Amino acid sequence: MRFLQIISGTGSRSGPPDPKHMANVKKAIDDEIASGKVIAIGGIGKRATAAARVTSKGGVSRVEEPPDGDGWMAGGGYALIDVSSKEEAIARAKATLDIMGDGIVELIQVTEMYPLPRTNRR
């Protein structure tokens, strides 16, 4: 099973991240990648400067800019993980927060369409 983790912090930073904390985060990421559980990981831009929402209704497209304040999620990160169950995905989200500190991890199960998973390739 694959899950998309959408990771965001709570509150604002009072300064640059602590180098020791960042080293722990990097090690945890490296360990997850080496285990094969993490397929992709990266940052998500701040919505105030790096986002738009595009919708279509009745053949008419509309572009919505981010609202001021707390209308859309703040910047954060994402990880695409490969786990055996939703329970394992939840456990990994808790582990992410243990390392990260205060924050939110949203889990969304995803399926592969292309390329086909290796077990289904002919």
PDB file of N, CA and C in Angstrom:
ATOM      1  N   MET A   1       0.848  -1.179   0.000  1.00  0.00           N
ATOM      2  CA  MET A   1       0.000   0.000   0.000  1.00  0.00           C
ATOM      3  C   MET A   1       0.892   1.240   0.000  1.00  0.00           C
ATOM      4  N   ARG A   2       0.455   2.220  -0.743  1.00  0.00           N
ATOM      5  CA  ARG A   2       1.198   3.475  -0.760  1.00  0.00           C
ATOM      6  C   ARG A   2       0.350   4.586  -0.154  1.00  0.00           C
ATOM      7  N   PHE A   3       1.037   5.429   0.596  1.00  0.00           N
ATOM      8  CA  PHE A   3       0.385   6.576   1.207  1.00  0.00           C
ATOM      9  C   PHE A   3       1.206   7.820   0.923  1.00  0.00           C
ATOM     10  N   LEU A   4       0.502   8.914   0.689  1.00  0.00           N
ATOM     11  CA  LEU A   4       1.118  10.216   0.584  1.00  0.00           C
ATOM     12  C   LEU A   4       1.031  10.841   1.965  1.00  0.00           C
ATOM     13  N   GLN A   5       2.170  11.215   2.525  1.00  0.00           N
ATOM     14  CA  GLN A   5       2.198  11.967   3.773  1.00  0.00           C
ATOM     15  C   GLN A   5       2.344  13.433   3.404  1.00  0.00           C
ATOM     16  N   ILE A   6       1.439  14.250   3.892  1.00  0.00           N
ATOM     17  CA  ILE A   6       1.569  15.695   3.729  1.00  0.00           C
ATOM     18  C   ILE A   6       1.903  16.234   5.117  1.00  0.00           C
ATOM     19  N   ILE A   7       3.057  16.864   5.220  1.00  0.00           N
ATOM     20  CA  ILE A   7       3.617  17.231   6.513  1.00  0.00           C
ATOM     21  C   ILE A   7       3.657  18.750   6.634  1.00  0.00           C
ATOM     22  N   SER A   8       3.114  19.261   7.731  1.00  0.00           N
ATOM     23  CA  SER A   8       3.186  20.700   7.970  1.00  0.00           C
ATOM     24  C   SER A   8       3.438  20.951   9.446  1.00  0.00           C
ATOM     25  N   GLY A   9       4.170  22.019   9.703  1.00  0.00           N
ATOM     26  CA  GLY A   9       4.446  22.410  11.076  1.00  0.00           C
ATOM     27  C   GLY A   9       3.310  23.250  11.625  1.00  0.00           C
ATOM     28  N   THR A  10       3.322  23.410  12.918  1.00  0.00           N
ATOM     29  CA  THR A  10       2.347  24.299  13.555  1.00  0.00           C
ATOM     30  C   THR A  10       3.108  25.475  14.137  1.00  0.00           C
ATOM     31  N   GLY A  11       2.537  26.634  14.035  1.00  0.00           N
ATOM     32  CA  GLY A  11       3.205  27.815  14.556  1.00  0.00           C
ATOM     33  C   GLY A  11       4.271  28.317  13.610  1.00  0.00           C
ATOM     34  N   SER A  12       4.984  29.328  14.047  1.00  0.00           N
ATOM     35  CA  SER A  12       6.038  29.896  13.218  1.00  0.00           C
ATOM     36  C   SER A  12       7.384  29.697  13.907  1.00  0.00           C
ATOM     37  N   ARG A  13       8.419  29.667  13.091  1.00  0.00           N
ATOM     38  CA  ARG A  13       9.769  29.508  13.630  1.00  0.00           C
ATOM     39  C   ARG A  13      10.262  30.815  14.203  1.00  0.00           C
ATOM     40  N   SER A  14      11.072  30.692  15.256  1.00  0.00           N
ATOM     41  CA  SER A  14      11.644  31.892  15.853  1.00  0.00           C
ATOM     42  C   SER A  14      13.070  32.136  15.358  1.00  0.00           C
ATOM     43  N   GLY A  15      13.564  31.263  14.512  1.00  0.00           N
ATOM     44  CA  GLY A  15      14.911  31.415  13.973  1.00  0.00           C
ATOM     45  C   GLY A  15      15.254  30.217  13.117  1.00  0.00           C
ATOM     46  N   PRO A  16      16.515  30.118  12.704  1.00  0.00           N
ATOM     47  CA  PRO A  16      16.905  28.986  11.875  1.00  0.00           C
ATOM     48  C   PRO A  16      16.817  27.677  12.667  1.00  0.00           C
ATOM     49  N   PRO A  17      16.626  26.547  11.964  1.00  0.00           N
ATOM     50  CA  PRO A  17      16.535  25.274  12.661  1.00  0.00           C
ATOM     51  C   PRO A  17      17.840  24.922  13.366  1.00  0.00           C
ATOM     52  N   ASP A  18      17.729  24.213  14.462  1.00  0.00           N
ATOM     53  CA  ASP A  18      18.880  23.753  15.222  1.00  0.00           C
ATOM     54  C   ASP A  18      19.666  22.733  14.390  1.00  0.00           C
ATOM     55  N   PRO A  19      20.975  22.917  14.211  1.00  0.00           N
ATOM     56  CA  PRO A  19      21.756  21.990  13.384  1.00  0.00           C
ATOM     57  C   PRO A  19      21.685  20.535  13.871  1.00  0.00           C
ATOM     58  N   LYS A  20      21.655  20.320  15.174  1.00  0.00           N
ATOM     59  CA  LYS A  20      21.564  18.953  15.705  1.00  0.00           C
ATOM     60  C   LYS A  20      20.220  18.331  15.318  1.00  0.00           C
ATOM     61  N   HIS A  21      19.165  19.109  15.435  1.00  0.00           N
ATOM     62  CA  HIS A  21      17.833  18.623  15.046  1.00  0.00           C
ATOM     63  C   HIS A  21      17.814  18.283  13.557  1.00  0.00           C
ATOM     64  N   MET A  22      18.367  19.159  12.731  1.00  0.00           N
ATOM     65  CA  MET A  22      18.388  18.918  11.291  1.00  0.00           C
ATOM     66  C   MET A  22      19.212  17.678  10.949  1.00  0.00           C
ATOM     67  N   ALA A  23      20.296  17.426  11.680  1.00  0.00           N
ATOM     68  CA  ALA A  23      21.098  16.222  11.461  1.00  0.00           C
ATOM     69  C   ALA A  23      20.275  14.977  11.789  1.00  0.00           C
ATOM     70  N   ASN A  24      19.480  15.042  12.872  1.00  0.00           N
ATOM     71  CA  ASN A  24      18.605  13.917  13.223  1.00  0.00           C
ATOM     72  C   ASN A  24      17.543  13.689  12.156  1.00  0.00           C
ATOM     73  N   VAL A  25      16.982  14.759  11.622  1.00  0.00           N
ATOM     74  CA  VAL A  25      15.968  14.649  10.569  1.00  0.00           C
ATOM     75  C   VAL A  25      16.596  14.035   9.318  1.00  0.00           C
ATOM     76  N   LYS A  26      17.778  14.501   8.931  1.00  0.00           N
ATOM     77  CA  LYS A  26      18.465  13.962   7.749  1.00  0.00           C
ATOM     78  C   LYS A  26      18.769  12.483   7.919  1.00  0.00           C
ATOM     79  N   LYS A  27      19.228  12.083   9.102  1.00  0.00           N
ATOM     80  CA  LYS A  27      19.524  10.673   9.344  1.00  0.00           C
ATOM     81  C   LYS A  27      18.257   9.834   9.242  1.00  0.00           C
ATOM     82  N   ALA A  28      17.166  10.320   9.814  1.00  0.00           N
ATOM     83  CA  ALA A  28      15.899   9.585   9.753  1.00  0.00           C
ATOM     84  C   ALA A  28      15.440   9.425   8.304  1.00  0.00           C
ATOM     85  N   ILE A  29      15.560  10.476   7.515  1.00  0.00           N
ATOM     86  CA  ILE A  29      15.182  10.413   6.097  1.00  0.00           C
ATOM     87  C   ILE A  29      16.071   9.417   5.361  1.00  0.00           C
ATOM     88  N   ASP A  30      17.379   9.505   5.585  1.00  0.00           N
ATOM     89  CA  ASP A  30      18.308   8.571   4.938  1.00  0.00           C
ATOM     90  C   ASP A  30      17.978   7.119   5.294  1.00  0.00           C
ATOM     91  N   ASP A  31      17.663   6.874   6.574  1.00  0.00           N
ATOM     92  CA  ASP A  31      17.307   5.518   7.019  1.00  0.00           C
ATOM     93  C   ASP A  31      16.033   5.029   6.340  1.00  0.00           C
ATOM     94  N   GLU A  32      15.044   5.900   6.213  1.00  0.00           N
ATOM     95  CA  GLU A  32      13.777   5.533   5.573  1.00  0.00           C
ATOM     96  C   GLU A  32      13.975   5.232   4.088  1.00  0.00           C
ATOM     97  N   ILE A  33      14.790   6.025   3.424  1.00  0.00           N
ATOM     98  CA  ILE A  33      15.072   5.777   2.005  1.00  0.00           C
ATOM     99  C   ILE A  33      15.815   4.458   1.846  1.00  0.00           C
ATOM    100  N   ALA A  34      16.807   4.218   2.702  1.00  0.00           N
ATOM    101  CA  ALA A  34      17.581   2.975   2.634  1.00  0.00           C
ATOM    102  C   ALA A  34      16.706   1.751   2.894  1.00  0.00           C
ATOM    103  N   SER A  35      15.669   1.895   3.724  1.00  0.00           N
ATOM    104  CA  SER A  35      14.781   0.770   4.033  1.00  0.00           C
ATOM    105  C   SER A  35      13.855   0.439   2.864  1.00  0.00           C
ATOM    106  N   GLY A  36      13.745   1.372   1.897  1.00  0.00           N
ATOM    107  CA  GLY A  36      12.839   1.168   0.775  1.00  0.00           C
ATOM    108  C   GLY A  36      11.409   1.576   1.065  1.00  0.00           C
ATOM    109  N   LYS A  37      11.145   2.046   2.276  1.00  0.00           N
ATOM    110  CA  LYS A  37       9.785   2.460   2.644  1.00  0.00           C
ATOM    111  C   LYS A  37       9.434   3.831   2.080  1.00  0.00           C
ATOM    112  N   VAL A  38      10.442   4.678   1.869  1.00  0.00           N
ATOM    113  CA  VAL A  38      10.195   6.002   1.299  1.00  0.00           C
ATOM    114  C   VAL A  38      10.563   5.967  -0.177  1.00  0.00           C
ATOM    115  N   ILE A  39       9.598   6.323  -1.014  1.00  0.00           N
ATOM    116  CA  ILE A  39       9.790   6.320  -2.464  1.00  0.00           C
ATOM    117  C   ILE A  39      10.237   7.691  -2.948  1.00  0.00           C
ATOM    118  N   ALA A  40       9.648   8.742  -2.396  1.00  0.00           N
ATOM    119  CA  ALA A  40       9.986  10.116  -2.766  1.00  0.00           C
ATOM    120  C   ALA A  40       9.725  11.009  -1.567  1.00  0.00           C
ATOM    121  N   ILE A  41      10.487  12.068  -1.471  1.00  0.00           N
ATOM    122  CA  ILE A  41      10.325  13.012  -0.362  1.00  0.00           C
ATOM    123  C   ILE A  41      10.745  14.389  -0.851  1.00  0.00           C
ATOM    124  N   GLY A  42      10.118  15.425  -0.347  1.00  0.00           N
ATOM    125  CA  GLY A  42      10.493  16.767  -0.767  1.00  0.00           C
ATOM    126  C   GLY A  42       9.704  17.836  -0.034  1.00  0.00           C
ATOM    127  N   GLY A  43       9.969  19.057  -0.390  1.00  0.00           N
ATOM    128  CA  GLY A  43       9.309  20.189   0.244  1.00  0.00           C
ATOM    129  C   GLY A  43       8.078  20.634  -0.526  1.00  0.00           C
ATOM    130  N   ILE A  44       7.203  21.301   0.193  1.00  0.00           N
ATOM    131  CA  ILE A  44       6.013  21.919  -0.396  1.00  0.00           C
ATOM    132  C   ILE A  44       6.133  23.415  -0.149  1.00  0.00           C
ATOM    133  N   GLY A  45       6.012  24.205  -1.202  1.00  0.00           N
ATOM    134  CA  GLY A  45       6.178  25.651  -1.088  1.00  0.00           C
ATOM    135  C   GLY A  45       5.091  26.317  -0.257  1.00  0.00           C
ATOM    136  N   LYS A  46       5.393  27.506   0.208  1.00  0.00           N
ATOM    137  CA  LYS A  46       4.413  28.288   0.963  1.00  0.00           C
ATOM    138  C   LYS A  46       3.281  28.692   0.031  1.00  0.00           C
ATOM    139  N   ARG A  47       2.091  28.507   0.478  1.00  0.00           N
ATOM    140  CA  ARG A  47       0.935  28.784  -0.368  1.00  0.00           C
ATOM    141  C   ARG A  47       0.814  30.252  -0.755  1.00  0.00           C
ATOM    142  N   ALA A  48       1.250  31.141   0.121  1.00  0.00           N
ATOM    143  CA  ALA A  48       1.116  32.572  -0.175  1.00  0.00           C
ATOM    144  C   ALA A  48       1.905  32.982  -1.410  1.00  0.00           C
ATOM    145  N   THR A  49       2.987  32.254  -1.718  1.00  0.00           N
ATOM    146  CA  THR A  49       3.843  32.647  -2.835  1.00  0.00           C
ATOM    147  C   THR A  49       3.997  31.574  -3.899  1.00  0.00           C
ATOM    148  N   ALA A  50       3.614  30.334  -3.606  1.00  0.00           N
ATOM    149  CA  ALA A  50       3.922  29.242  -4.534  1.00  0.00           C
ATOM    150  C   ALA A  50       2.711  28.385  -4.868  1.00  0.00           C
ATOM    151  N   ALA A  51       1.511  28.955  -4.851  1.00  0.00           N
ATOM    152  CA  ALA A  51       0.340  28.109  -5.053  1.00  0.00           C
ATOM    153  C   ALA A  51      -0.742  28.796  -5.874  1.00  0.00           C
ATOM    154  N   ALA A  52      -1.577  27.993  -6.439  1.00  0.00           N
ATOM    155  CA  ALA A  52      -2.807  28.412  -7.102  1.00  0.00           C
ATOM    156  C   ALA A  52      -3.712  27.186  -7.130  1.00  0.00           C
ATOM    157  N   ARG A  53      -4.982  27.402  -7.178  1.00  0.00           N
ATOM    158  CA  ARG A  53      -5.952  26.311  -7.298  1.00  0.00           C
ATOM    159  C   ARG A  53      -6.687  26.522  -8.615  1.00  0.00           C
ATOM    160  N   VAL A  54      -6.647  25.514  -9.490  1.00  0.00           N
ATOM    161  CA  VAL A  54      -7.297  25.598 -10.793  1.00  0.00           C
ATOM    162  C   VAL A  54      -8.494  24.657 -10.779  1.00  0.00           C
ATOM    163  N   THR A  55      -9.675  25.194 -11.078  1.00  0.00           N
ATOM    164  CA  THR A  55     -10.890  24.391 -11.108  1.00  0.00           C
ATOM    165  C   THR A  55     -11.549  24.518 -12.481  1.00  0.00           C
ATOM    166  N   SER A  56     -12.370  23.529 -12.793  1.00  0.00           N
ATOM    167  CA  SER A  56     -13.110  23.554 -14.049  1.00  0.00           C
ATOM    168  C   SER A  56     -14.540  23.128 -13.775  1.00  0.00           C
ATOM    169  N   LYS A  57     -15.481  23.893 -14.308  1.00  0.00           N
ATOM    170  CA  LYS A  57     -16.894  23.565 -14.186  1.00  0.00           C
ATOM    171  C   LYS A  57     -17.583  23.995 -15.471  1.00  0.00           C
ATOM    172  N   GLY A  58     -18.262  23.055 -16.087  1.00  0.00           N
ATOM    173  CA  GLY A  58     -18.968  23.364 -17.320  1.00  0.00           C
ATOM    174  C   GLY A  58     -18.047  23.815 -18.441  1.00  0.00           C
ATOM    175  N   GLY A  59     -16.816  23.328 -18.446  1.00  0.00           N
ATOM    176  CA  GLY A  59     -15.873  23.700 -19.499  1.00  0.00           C
ATOM    177  C   GLY A  59     -15.181  25.029 -19.280  1.00  0.00           C
ATOM    178  N   VAL A  60     -15.462  25.696 -18.152  1.00  0.00           N
ATOM    179  CA  VAL A  60     -14.838  26.982 -17.844  1.00  0.00           C
ATOM    180  C   VAL A  60     -13.835  26.774 -16.702  1.00  0.00           C
ATOM    181  N   SER A  61     -12.579  27.161 -16.968  1.00  0.00           N
ATOM    182  CA  SER A  61     -11.536  27.042 -15.950  1.00  0.00           C
ATOM    183  C   SER A  61     -11.452  28.323 -15.139  1.00  0.00           C
ATOM    184  N   ARG A  62     -11.123  28.153 -13.865  1.00  0.00           N
ATOM    185  CA  ARG A  62     -10.977  29.296 -12.963  1.00  0.00           C
ATOM    186  C   ARG A  62      -9.703  29.103 -12.147  1.00  0.00           C
ATOM    187  N   VAL A  63      -8.954  30.172 -11.941  1.00  0.00           N
ATOM    188  CA  VAL A  63      -7.747  30.136 -11.133  1.00  0.00           C
ATOM    189  C   VAL A  63      -8.007  30.930  -9.861  1.00  0.00           C
ATOM    190  N   GLU A  64      -7.755  30.286  -8.736  1.00  0.00           N
ATOM    191  CA  GLU A  64      -7.953  30.918  -7.437  1.00  0.00           C
ATOM    192  C   GLU A  64      -6.587  31.115  -6.779  1.00  0.00           C
ATOM    193  N   GLU A  65      -6.303  32.316  -6.357  1.00  0.00           N
ATOM    194  CA  GLU A  65      -5.063  32.599  -5.641  1.00  0.00           C
ATOM    195  C   GLU A  65      -5.275  32.298  -4.158  1.00  0.00           C
ATOM    196  N   PRO A  66      -4.190  31.993  -3.430  1.00  0.00           N
ATOM    197  CA  PRO A  66      -4.335  31.692  -2.004  1.00  0.00           C
ATOM    198  C   PRO A  66      -4.919  32.876  -1.241  1.00  0.00           C
ATOM    199  N   PRO A  67      -5.790  32.583  -0.286  1.00  0.00           N
ATOM    200  CA  PRO A  67      -6.336  33.670   0.528  1.00  0.00           C
ATOM    201  C   PRO A  67      -5.293  34.164   1.529  1.00  0.00           C
ATOM    202  N   ASP A  68      -5.472  35.380   2.017  1.00  0.00           N
ATOM    203  CA  ASP A  68      -4.616  35.879   3.088  1.00  0.00           C
ATOM    204  C   ASP A  68      -4.990  35.129   4.361  1.00  0.00           C
ATOM    205  N   GLY A  69      -4.023  34.892   5.205  1.00  0.00           N
ATOM    206  CA  GLY A  69      -4.308  34.227   6.479  1.00  0.00           C
ATOM    207  C   GLY A  69      -4.282  32.714   6.371  1.00  0.00           C
ATOM    208  N   ASP A  70      -5.162  32.065   7.135  1.00  0.00           N
ATOM    209  CA  ASP A  70      -5.133  30.608   7.290  1.00  0.00           C
ATOM    210  C   ASP A  70      -6.138  29.870   6.425  1.00  0.00           C
ATOM    211  N   GLY A  71      -6.283  30.200   5.179  1.00  0.00           N
ATOM    212  CA  GLY A  71      -7.232  29.486   4.343  1.00  0.00           C
ATOM    213  C   GLY A  71      -6.669  28.210   3.729  1.00  0.00           C
ATOM    214  N   TRP A  72      -5.394  28.191   3.418  1.00  0.00           N
ATOM    215  CA  TRP A  72      -4.755  27.029   2.816  1.00  0.00           C
ATOM    216  C   TRP A  72      -3.605  26.591   3.712  1.00  0.00           C
ATOM    217  N   MET A  73      -3.158  25.362   3.535  1.00  0.00           N
ATOM    218  CA  MET A  73      -2.072  24.833   4.338  1.00  0.00           C
ATOM    219  C   MET A  73      -0.788  25.640   4.136  1.00  0.00           C
ATOM    220  N   ALA A  74      -0.058  25.811   5.212  1.00  0.00           N
ATOM    221  CA  ALA A  74       1.242  26.473   5.135  1.00  0.00           C
ATOM    222  C   ALA A  74       2.227  25.562   4.418  1.00  0.00           C
ATOM    223  N   GLY A  75       3.388  26.077   4.098  1.00  0.00           N
ATOM    224  CA  GLY A  75       4.421  25.257   3.479  1.00  0.00           C
ATOM    225  C   GLY A  75       4.807  24.099   4.379  1.00  0.00           C
ATOM    226  N   GLY A  76       5.350  23.079   3.805  1.00  0.00           N
ATOM    227  CA  GLY A  76       5.751  21.915   4.578  1.00  0.00           C
ATOM    228  C   GLY A  76       6.506  20.950   3.697  1.00  0.00           C
ATOM    229  N   GLY A  77       6.125  19.687   3.772  1.00  0.00           N
ATOM    230  CA  GLY A  77       6.797  18.688   2.976  1.00  0.00           C
ATOM    231  C   GLY A  77       5.870  17.539   2.652  1.00  0.00           C
ATOM    232  N   TYR A  78       6.401  16.610   1.871  1.00  0.00           N
ATOM    233  CA  TYR A  78       5.619  15.426   1.529  1.00  0.00           C
ATOM    234  C   TYR A  78       6.556  14.234   1.478  1.00  0.00           C
ATOM    235  N   ALA A  79       5.973  13.062   1.641  1.00  0.00           N
ATOM    236  CA  ALA A  79       6.702  11.814   1.431  1.00  0.00           C
ATOM    237  C   ALA A  79       5.731  10.815   0.837  1.00  0.00           C
ATOM    238  N   LEU A  80       6.191  10.067  -0.126  1.00  0.00           N
ATOM    239  CA  LEU A  80       5.426   8.962  -0.685  1.00  0.00           C
ATOM    240  C   LEU A  80       6.028   7.709  -0.082  1.00  0.00           C
ATOM    241  N   ILE A  81       5.215   6.964   0.687  1.00  0.00           N
ATOM    242  CA  ILE A  81       5.737   5.801   1.404  1.00  0.00           C
ATOM    243  C   ILE A  81       5.057   4.525   0.932  1.00  0.00           C
ATOM    244  N   ASP A  82       5.763   3.418   1.058  1.00  0.00           N
ATOM    245  CA  ASP A  82       5.270   2.099   0.673  1.00  0.00           C
ATOM    246  C   ASP A  82       5.246   1.247   1.938  1.00  0.00           C
ATOM    247  N   VAL A  83       4.059   0.905   2.414  1.00  0.00           N
ATOM    248  CA  VAL A  83       3.900   0.178   3.670  1.00  0.00           C
ATOM    249  C   VAL A  83       2.924  -0.975   3.478  1.00  0.00           C
ATOM    250  N   SER A  84       2.815  -1.835   4.488  1.00  0.00           N
ATOM    251  CA  SER A  84       1.953  -3.007   4.365  1.00  0.00           C
ATOM    252  C   SER A  84       0.517  -2.756   4.815  1.00  0.00           C
ATOM    253  N   SER A  85       0.273  -1.645   5.546  1.00  0.00           N
ATOM    254  CA  SER A  85      -1.082  -1.402   6.051  1.00  0.00           C
ATOM    255  C   SER A  85      -1.261   0.064   6.441  1.00  0.00           C
ATOM    256  N   LYS A  86      -2.507   0.463   6.636  1.00  0.00           N
ATOM    257  CA  LYS A  86      -2.800   1.808   7.117  1.00  0.00           C
ATOM    258  C   LYS A  86      -2.213   2.001   8.512  1.00  0.00           C
ATOM    259  N   GLU A  87      -2.244   0.938   9.309  1.00  0.00           N
ATOM    260  CA  GLU A  87      -1.694   1.021  10.664  1.00  0.00           C
ATOM    261  C   GLU A  87      -0.193   1.321  10.631  1.00  0.00           C
ATOM    262  N   GLU A  88       0.516   0.702   9.677  1.00  0.00           N
ATOM    263  CA  GLU A  88       1.945   0.988   9.544  1.00  0.00           C
ATOM    264  C   GLU A  88       2.159   2.427   9.086  1.00  0.00           C
ATOM    265  N   ALA A  89       1.309   2.913   8.191  1.00  0.00           N
ATOM    266  CA  ALA A  89       1.413   4.304   7.734  1.00  0.00           C
ATOM    267  C   ALA A  89       1.217   5.260   8.915  1.00  0.00           C
ATOM    268  N   ILE A  90       0.255   4.943   9.788  1.00  0.00           N
ATOM    269  CA  ILE A  90       0.000   5.777  10.970  1.00  0.00           C
ATOM    270  C   ILE A  90       1.211   5.738  11.905  1.00  0.00           C
ATOM    271  N   ALA A  91       1.777   4.551  12.104  1.00  0.00           N
ATOM    272  CA  ALA A  91       2.959   4.431  12.962  1.00  0.00           C
ATOM    273  C   ALA A  91       4.115   5.255  12.401  1.00  0.00           C
ATOM    274  N   ARG A  92       4.301   5.239  11.090  1.00  0.00           N
ATOM    275  CA  ARG A  92       5.369   6.018  10.470  1.00  0.00           C
ATOM    276  C   ARG A  92       5.096   7.518  10.589  1.00  0.00           C
ATOM    277  N   ALA A  93       3.820   7.916  10.491  1.00  0.00           N
ATOM    278  CA  ALA A  93       3.478   9.331  10.667  1.00  0.00           C
ATOM    279  C   ALA A  93       3.810   9.777  12.092  1.00  0.00           C
ATOM    280  N   LYS A  94       3.505   8.932  13.078  1.00  0.00           N
ATOM    281  CA  LYS A  94       3.838   9.260  14.471  1.00  0.00           C
ATOM    282  C   LYS A  94       5.348   9.371  14.648  1.00  0.00           C
ATOM    283  N   ALA A  95       6.101   8.476  14.004  1.00  0.00           N
ATOM    284  CA  ALA A  95       7.562   8.530  14.083  1.00  0.00           C
ATOM    285  C   ALA A  95       8.088   9.815  13.447  1.00  0.00           C
ATOM    286  N   THR A  96       7.477  10.228  12.336  1.00  0.00           N
ATOM    287  CA  THR A  96       7.871  11.485  11.688  1.00  0.00           C
ATOM    288  C   THR A  96       7.680  12.647  12.652  1.00  0.00           C
ATOM    289  N   LEU A  97       6.538  12.679  13.342  1.00  0.00           N
ATOM    290  CA  LEU A  97       6.267  13.769  14.282  1.00  0.00           C
ATOM    291  C   LEU A  97       7.184  13.699  15.505  1.00  0.00           C
ATOM    292  N   ASP A  98       7.559  12.480  15.926  1.00  0.00           N
ATOM    293  CA  ASP A  98       8.501  12.349  17.045  1.00  0.00           C
ATOM    294  C   ASP A  98       9.818  13.035  16.713  1.00  0.00           C
ATOM    295  N   ILE A  99      10.250  12.920  15.457  1.00  0.00           N
ATOM    296  CA  ILE A  99      11.508  13.534  15.035  1.00  0.00           C
ATOM    297  C   ILE A  99      11.319  15.018  14.743  1.00  0.00           C
ATOM    298  N   MET A 100      10.220  15.342  14.053  1.00  0.00           N
ATOM    299  CA  MET A 100       9.967  16.708  13.600  1.00  0.00           C
ATOM    300  C   MET A 100       9.601  17.646  14.747  1.00  0.00           C
ATOM    301  N   GLY A 101       8.815  17.164  15.687  1.00  0.00           N
ATOM    302  CA  GLY A 101       8.279  18.023  16.741  1.00  0.00           C
ATOM    303  C   GLY A 101       6.823  18.341  16.429  1.00  0.00           C
ATOM    304  N   ASP A 102       6.342  19.445  16.936  1.00  0.00           N
ATOM    305  CA  ASP A 102       4.944  19.816  16.726  1.00  0.00           C
ATOM    306  C   ASP A 102       4.644  19.928  15.243  1.00  0.00           C
ATOM    307  N   GLY A 103       3.518  19.378  14.828  1.00  0.00           N
ATOM    308  CA  GLY A 103       3.136  19.448  13.432  1.00  0.00           C
ATOM    309  C   GLY A 103       1.954  18.566  13.138  1.00  0.00           C
ATOM    310  N   ILE A 104       1.683  18.420  11.868  1.00  0.00           N
ATOM    311  CA  ILE A 104       0.562  17.630  11.384  1.00  0.00           C
ATOM    312  C   ILE A 104       1.054  16.776  10.230  1.00  0.00           C
ATOM    313  N   VAL A 105       0.670  15.499  10.225  1.00  0.00           N
ATOM    314  CA  VAL A 105       0.926  14.630   9.088  1.00  0.00           C
ATOM    315  C   VAL A 105      -0.421  14.102   8.624  1.00  0.00           C
ATOM    316  N   GLU A 106      -0.793  14.446   7.418  1.00  0.00           N
ATOM    317  CA  GLU A 106      -2.021  13.935   6.822  1.00  0.00           C
ATOM    318  C   GLU A 106      -1.640  12.765   5.931  1.00  0.00           C
ATOM    319  N   LEU A 107      -2.388  11.670   6.042  1.00  0.00           N
ATOM    320  CA  LEU A 107      -2.132  10.474   5.241  1.00  0.00           C
ATOM    321  C   LEU A 107      -3.246  10.285   4.227  1.00  0.00           C
ATOM    322  N   ILE A 108      -2.859  10.057   2.982  1.00  0.00           N
ATOM    323  CA  ILE A 108      -3.821   9.800   1.925  1.00  0.00           C
ATOM    324  C   ILE A 108      -3.331   8.587   1.153  1.00  0.00           C
ATOM    325  N   GLN A 109      -4.135   7.511   1.113  1.00  0.00           N
ATOM    326  CA  GLN A 109      -3.731   6.334   0.357  1.00  0.00           C
ATOM    327  C   GLN A 109      -3.791   6.664  -1.129  1.00  0.00           C
ATOM    328  N   VAL A 110      -2.761   6.252  -1.858  1.00  0.00           N
ATOM    329  CA  VAL A 110      -2.696   6.485  -3.300  1.00  0.00           C
ATOM    330  C   VAL A 110      -2.468   5.157  -4.007  1.00  0.00           C
ATOM    331  N   THR A 111      -2.825   5.116  -5.278  1.00  0.00           N
ATOM    332  CA  THR A 111      -2.577   3.928  -6.082  1.00  0.00           C
ATOM    333  C   THR A 111      -1.725   4.320  -7.278  1.00  0.00           C
ATOM    334  N   GLU A 112      -1.005   3.363  -7.786  1.00  0.00           N
ATOM    335  CA  GLU A 112      -0.185   3.608  -8.962  1.00  0.00           C
ATOM    336  C   GLU A 112      -1.004   3.356 -10.210  1.00  0.00           C
ATOM    337  N   MET A 113      -0.873   4.223 -11.164  1.00  0.00           N
ATOM    338  CA  MET A 113      -1.481   4.014 -12.467  1.00  0.00           C
ATOM    339  C   MET A 113      -0.391   3.785 -13.508  1.00  0.00           C
ATOM    340  N   TYR A 114       0.675   4.572 -13.411  1.00  0.00           N
ATOM    341  CA  TYR A 114       1.774   4.439 -14.353  1.00  0.00           C
ATOM    342  C   TYR A 114       3.032   4.957 -13.696  1.00  0.00           C
ATOM    343  N   PRO A 115       4.167   4.324 -13.816  1.00  0.00           N
ATOM    344  CA  PRO A 115       4.300   3.017 -14.444  1.00  0.00           C
ATOM    345  C   PRO A 115       3.649   1.947 -13.582  1.00  0.00           C
ATOM    346  N   LEU A 116       3.328   0.824 -14.185  1.00  0.00           N
ATOM    347  CA  LEU A 116       2.724  -0.268 -13.446  1.00  0.00           C
ATOM    348  C   LEU A 116       3.676  -0.734 -12.351  1.00  0.00           C
ATOM    349  N   PRO A 117       3.128  -1.159 -11.196  1.00  0.00           N
ATOM    350  CA  PRO A 117       3.998  -1.720 -10.169  1.00  0.00           C
ATOM    351  C   PRO A 117       4.794  -2.887 -10.727  1.00  0.00           C
ATOM    352  N   ARG A 118       5.969  -3.118 -10.231  1.00  0.00           N
ATOM    353  CA  ARG A 118       6.828  -4.178 -10.758  1.00  0.00           C
ATOM    354  C   ARG A 118       6.158  -5.527 -10.763  1.00  0.00           C
ATOM    355  N   THR A 119       5.320  -5.831  -9.786  1.00  0.00           N
ATOM    356  CA  THR A 119       4.671  -7.146  -9.710  1.00  0.00           C
ATOM    357  C   THR A 119       3.651  -7.334 -10.810  1.00  0.00           C
ATOM    358  N   ASN A 120       3.155  -6.231 -11.421  1.00  0.00           N
ATOM    359  CA  ASN A 120       2.144  -6.312 -12.464  1.00  0.00           C
ATOM    360  C   ASN A 120       2.706  -6.139 -13.868  1.00  0.00           C
ATOM    361  N   ARG A 121       3.985  -5.862 -13.988  1.00  0.00           N
ATOM    362  CA  ARG A 121       4.585  -5.665 -15.314  1.00  0.00           C
ATOM    363  C   ARG A 121       4.748  -6.987 -16.014  1.00  0.00           C
ATOM    364  N   ARG A 122       4.605  -6.952 -17.321  1.00  0.00           N
ATOM    365  CA  ARG A 122       4.764  -8.185 -18.102  1.00  0.00           C
ATOM    366  C   ARG A 122       6.073  -8.213 -18.804  1.00  0.00           C
TER     367      ARG A 122
END
